[in-house]
C-alpha atoms as a PDB file:
ATOM      1  CA  MET A   1       0.000   0.000   0.000  1.00  0.00           C
ATOM      2  CA  GLU A   2       2.722   2.346   0.945  1.00  0.00           C
ATOM      3  CA  ALA A   3       4.446   1.831  -2.403  1.00  0.00           C
ATOM      4  CA  LEU A   4       1.276   2.838  -4.235  1.00  0.00           C
ATOM      5  CA  ASN A   5       1.014   5.939  -2.079  1.00  0.00           C
ATOM      6  CA  GLN A   6       4.601   6.847  -2.895  1.00  0.00           C
ATOM      7  CA  ILE A   7       3.967   6.320  -6.650  1.00  0.00           C
ATOM      8  CA  GLY A   8       0.837   8.462  -6.399  1.00  0.00           C
ATOM      9  CA  GLN A   9       2.759  11.091  -4.506  1.00  0.00           C
ATOM     10  CA  LEU A  10       5.528  11.090  -7.160  1.00  0.00           C
ATOM     11  CA  ILE A  11       2.989  11.517  -9.941  1.00  0.00           C
ATOM     12  CA  SER A  12       1.236  14.320  -8.086  1.00  0.00           C
ATOM     13  CA  THR A  13       4.543  15.992  -7.237  1.00  0.00           C
ATOM     14  CA  TYR A  14       6.324  15.619 -10.553  1.00  0.00           C
ATOM     15  CA  GLY A  15       3.267  15.138 -12.724  1.00  0.00           C
ATOM     16  CA  ILE A  16       3.526  13.967 -16.257  1.00  0.00           C
ATOM     17  CA  MET A  17       7.336  14.214 -16.226  1.00  0.00           C
ATOM     18  CA  ALA A  18       7.613  11.132 -14.007  1.00  0.00           C
ATOM     19  CA  VAL A  19       5.265   9.169 -16.258  1.00  0.00           C
ATOM     20  CA  ILE A  20       7.311  10.119 -19.323  1.00  0.00           C
ATOM     21  CA  VAL A  21      10.565   9.083 -17.621  1.00  0.00           C
ATOM     22  CA  ILE A  22       9.072   5.758 -16.535  1.00  0.00           C
ATOM     23  CA  ILE A  23       7.753   5.069 -20.057  1.00  0.00           C
ATOM     24  CA  PHE A  24      11.136   6.023 -21.536  1.00  0.00           C
ATOM     25  CA  LEU A  25      12.990   3.663 -19.189  1.00  0.00           C
ATOM     26  CA  TRP A  26      10.536   0.838 -19.855  1.00  0.00           C
ATOM     27  CA  ASP A  27      10.879   1.330 -23.627  1.00  0.00           C
ATOM     28  CA  TYR A  28      14.684   1.517 -23.353  1.00  0.00           C
ATOM     29  CA  ILE A  29      14.866  -1.772 -21.437  1.00  0.00           C
ATOM     30  CA  ALA A  30      12.441  -3.501 -23.815  1.00  0.00           C
ATOM     31  CA  ASN A  31      14.393  -2.326 -26.879  1.00  0.00           C
ATOM     32  CA  LYS A  32      17.687  -3.350 -25.288  1.00  0.00           C
ATOM     33  CA  LYS A  33      16.376  -6.909 -24.858  1.00  0.00           C
ATOM     34  CA  LYS A  34      15.123  -6.979 -28.456  1.00  0.00           C
ATOM     35  CA  ASN A  35      18.480  -5.718 -29.710  1.00  0.00           C
ATOM     36  CA  ILE A  36      20.329  -8.455 -27.839  1.00  0.00           C
ATOM     37  CA  GLU A  37      17.971 -11.089 -29.286  1.00  0.00           C
ATOM     38  CA  ASN A  38      18.420  -9.637 -32.777  1.00  0.00           C
ATOM     39  CA  GLN A  39      22.205  -9.669 -32.424  1.00  0.00           C
ATOM     40  CA  GLU A  40      22.130 -13.328 -31.431  1.00  0.00           C
ATOM     41  CA  THR A  41      19.930 -14.121 -34.428  1.00  0.00           C
ATOM     42  CA  ILE A  42      22.292 -12.229 -36.729  1.00  0.00           C
ATOM     43  CA  LYS A  43      25.311 -14.083 -35.325  1.00  0.00           C
ATOM     44  CA  ALA A  44      23.612 -17.440 -35.866  1.00  0.00           C
ATOM     45  CA  THR A  45      22.648 -16.444 -39.406  1.00  0.00           C
ATOM     46  CA  LEU A  46      26.199 -15.346 -40.189  1.00  0.00           C
ATOM     47  CA  GLU A  47      27.534 -18.687 -38.974  1.00  0.00           C
ATOM     48  CA  VAL A  48      25.132 -20.529 -41.280  1.00  0.00           C
ATOM     49  CA  VAL A  49      26.138 -18.268 -44.187  1.00  0.00           C
ATOM     50  CA  LYS A  50      29.819 -18.890 -43.407  1.00  0.00           C
ATOM     51  CA  GLU A  51      29.291 -22.657 -43.436  1.00  0.00           C
ATOM     52  CA  SER A  52      27.302 -22.414 -46.680  1.00  0.00           C
ATOM     53  CA  THR A  53      30.004 -20.320 -48.290  1.00  0.00           C
ATOM     54  CA  SER A  54      32.608 -22.909 -47.323  1.00  0.00           C
ATOM     55  CA  THR A  55      30.465 -25.712 -48.754  1.00  0.00           C
ATOM     56  CA  ILE A  56      29.881 -23.810 -51.991  1.00  0.00           C
ATOM     57  CA  SER A  57      33.606 -23.092 -52.271  1.00  0.00           C
ATOM     58  CA  ASN A  58      34.420 -26.786 -51.887  1.00  0.00           C
ATOM     59  CA  CYS A  59      31.812 -27.688 -54.508  1.00  0.00           C
ATOM     60  CA  LEU A  60      33.284 -25.173 -56.942  1.00  0.00           C
ATOM     61  CA  VAL A  61      36.761 -26.634 -56.464  1.00  0.00           C
ATOM     62  CA  GLU A  62      35.408 -30.122 -57.121  1.00  0.00           C
ATOM     63  CA  MET A  63      33.551 -28.890 -60.208  1.00  0.00           C
ATOM     64  CA  GLN A  64      36.750 -27.301 -61.496  1.00  0.00           C
ATOM     65  CA  GLN A  65      38.616 -30.574 -61.058  1.00  0.00           C
ATOM     66  CA  THR A  66      35.810 -32.510 -62.752  1.00  0.00           C
ATOM     67  CA  ASN A  67      35.788 -30.065 -65.660  1.00  0.00           C
ATOM     68  CA  SER A  68      39.552 -30.401 -66.002  1.00  0.00           C
ATOM     69  CA  ASN A  69      39.268 -34.212 -66.017  1.00  0.00           C
ATOM     70  CA  THR A  70      36.460 -34.061 -68.583  1.00  0.00           C
ATOM     71  CA  ALA A  71      38.541 -31.786 -70.819  1.00  0.00           C
ATOM     72  CA  LYS A  72      41.495 -34.197 -70.638  1.00  0.00           C
ATOM     73  CA  SER A  73      39.224 -37.153 -71.407  1.00  0.00           C
ATOM     74  CA  LEU A  74      37.787 -35.344 -74.427  1.00  0.00           C
ATOM     75  CA  GLU A  75      41.284 -34.515 -75.684  1.00  0.00           C
ATOM     76  CA  LEU A  76      42.333 -38.167 -75.367  1.00  0.00           C
ATOM     77  CA  LEU A  77      39.149 -39.277 -77.101  1.00  0.00           C
ATOM     78  CA  GLN A  78      39.754 -36.818 -79.931  1.00  0.00           C
ATOM     79  CA  LYS A  79      43.335 -38.063 -80.373  1.00  0.00           C
ATOM     80  CA  GLN A  80      42.121 -41.668 -80.377  1.00  0.00           C
ATOM     81  CA  MET A  81      39.475 -40.864 -82.983  1.00  0.00           C
ATOM     82  CA  GLU A  82      42.036 -39.093 -85.173  1.00  0.00           C
ATOM     83  CA  SER A  83      44.370 -42.057 -84.864  1.00  0.00           C
ATOM     84  CA  THR A  84      41.547 -44.465 -85.746  1.00  0.00           C
ATOM     85  CA  ASP A  85      40.550 -42.321 -88.739  1.00  0.00           C
ATOM     86  CA  LYS A  86      44.141 -42.404 -90.034  1.00  0.00           C
ATOM     87  CA  LYS A  87      44.278 -46.179 -89.662  1.00  0.00           C
ATOM     88  CA  VAL A  88      40.959 -46.572 -91.472  1.00  0.00           C
ATOM     89  CA  ASP A  89      42.137 -44.288 -94.263  1.00  0.00           C
ATOM     90  CA  ILE A  90      45.354 -46.320 -94.644  1.00  0.00           C
ATOM     91  CA  LEU A  91      43.387 -49.581 -94.749  1.00  0.00           C
ATOM     92  CA  LEU A  92      40.969 -48.139 -97.320  1.00  0.00           C
ATOM     93  CA  GLU A  93      43.860 -46.951 -99.503  1.00  0.00           C
ATOM     94  CA  ARG A  94      45.458 -50.400 -99.396  1.00  0.00           C
ATOM     95  CA  GLY A  95      42.158 -52.031-100.285  1.00  0.00           C
ATOM     96  CA  ASN A  96      41.726 -49.992-103.460  1.00  0.00           C
END
């Protein structure tokens, strides 16, 4: 009861100024808590993005190696086909 009387006395003594200060402090504390929660969410999101970036980087390296291997295989296949074409041409010339 006494606390309520003191609050009433503060409001009557200081008027609206006390109410404004109390609302300001309440809003400040509430926003501070929200900011801390938002910062934690941002940190967690950045960690996920960092892990994703690492995974994507590894995939790109593997794709580069696969592309290099495919290019080498195609070169070998082209050389083999050219060699086979020359042999076929030689055999056809001998047959005529």
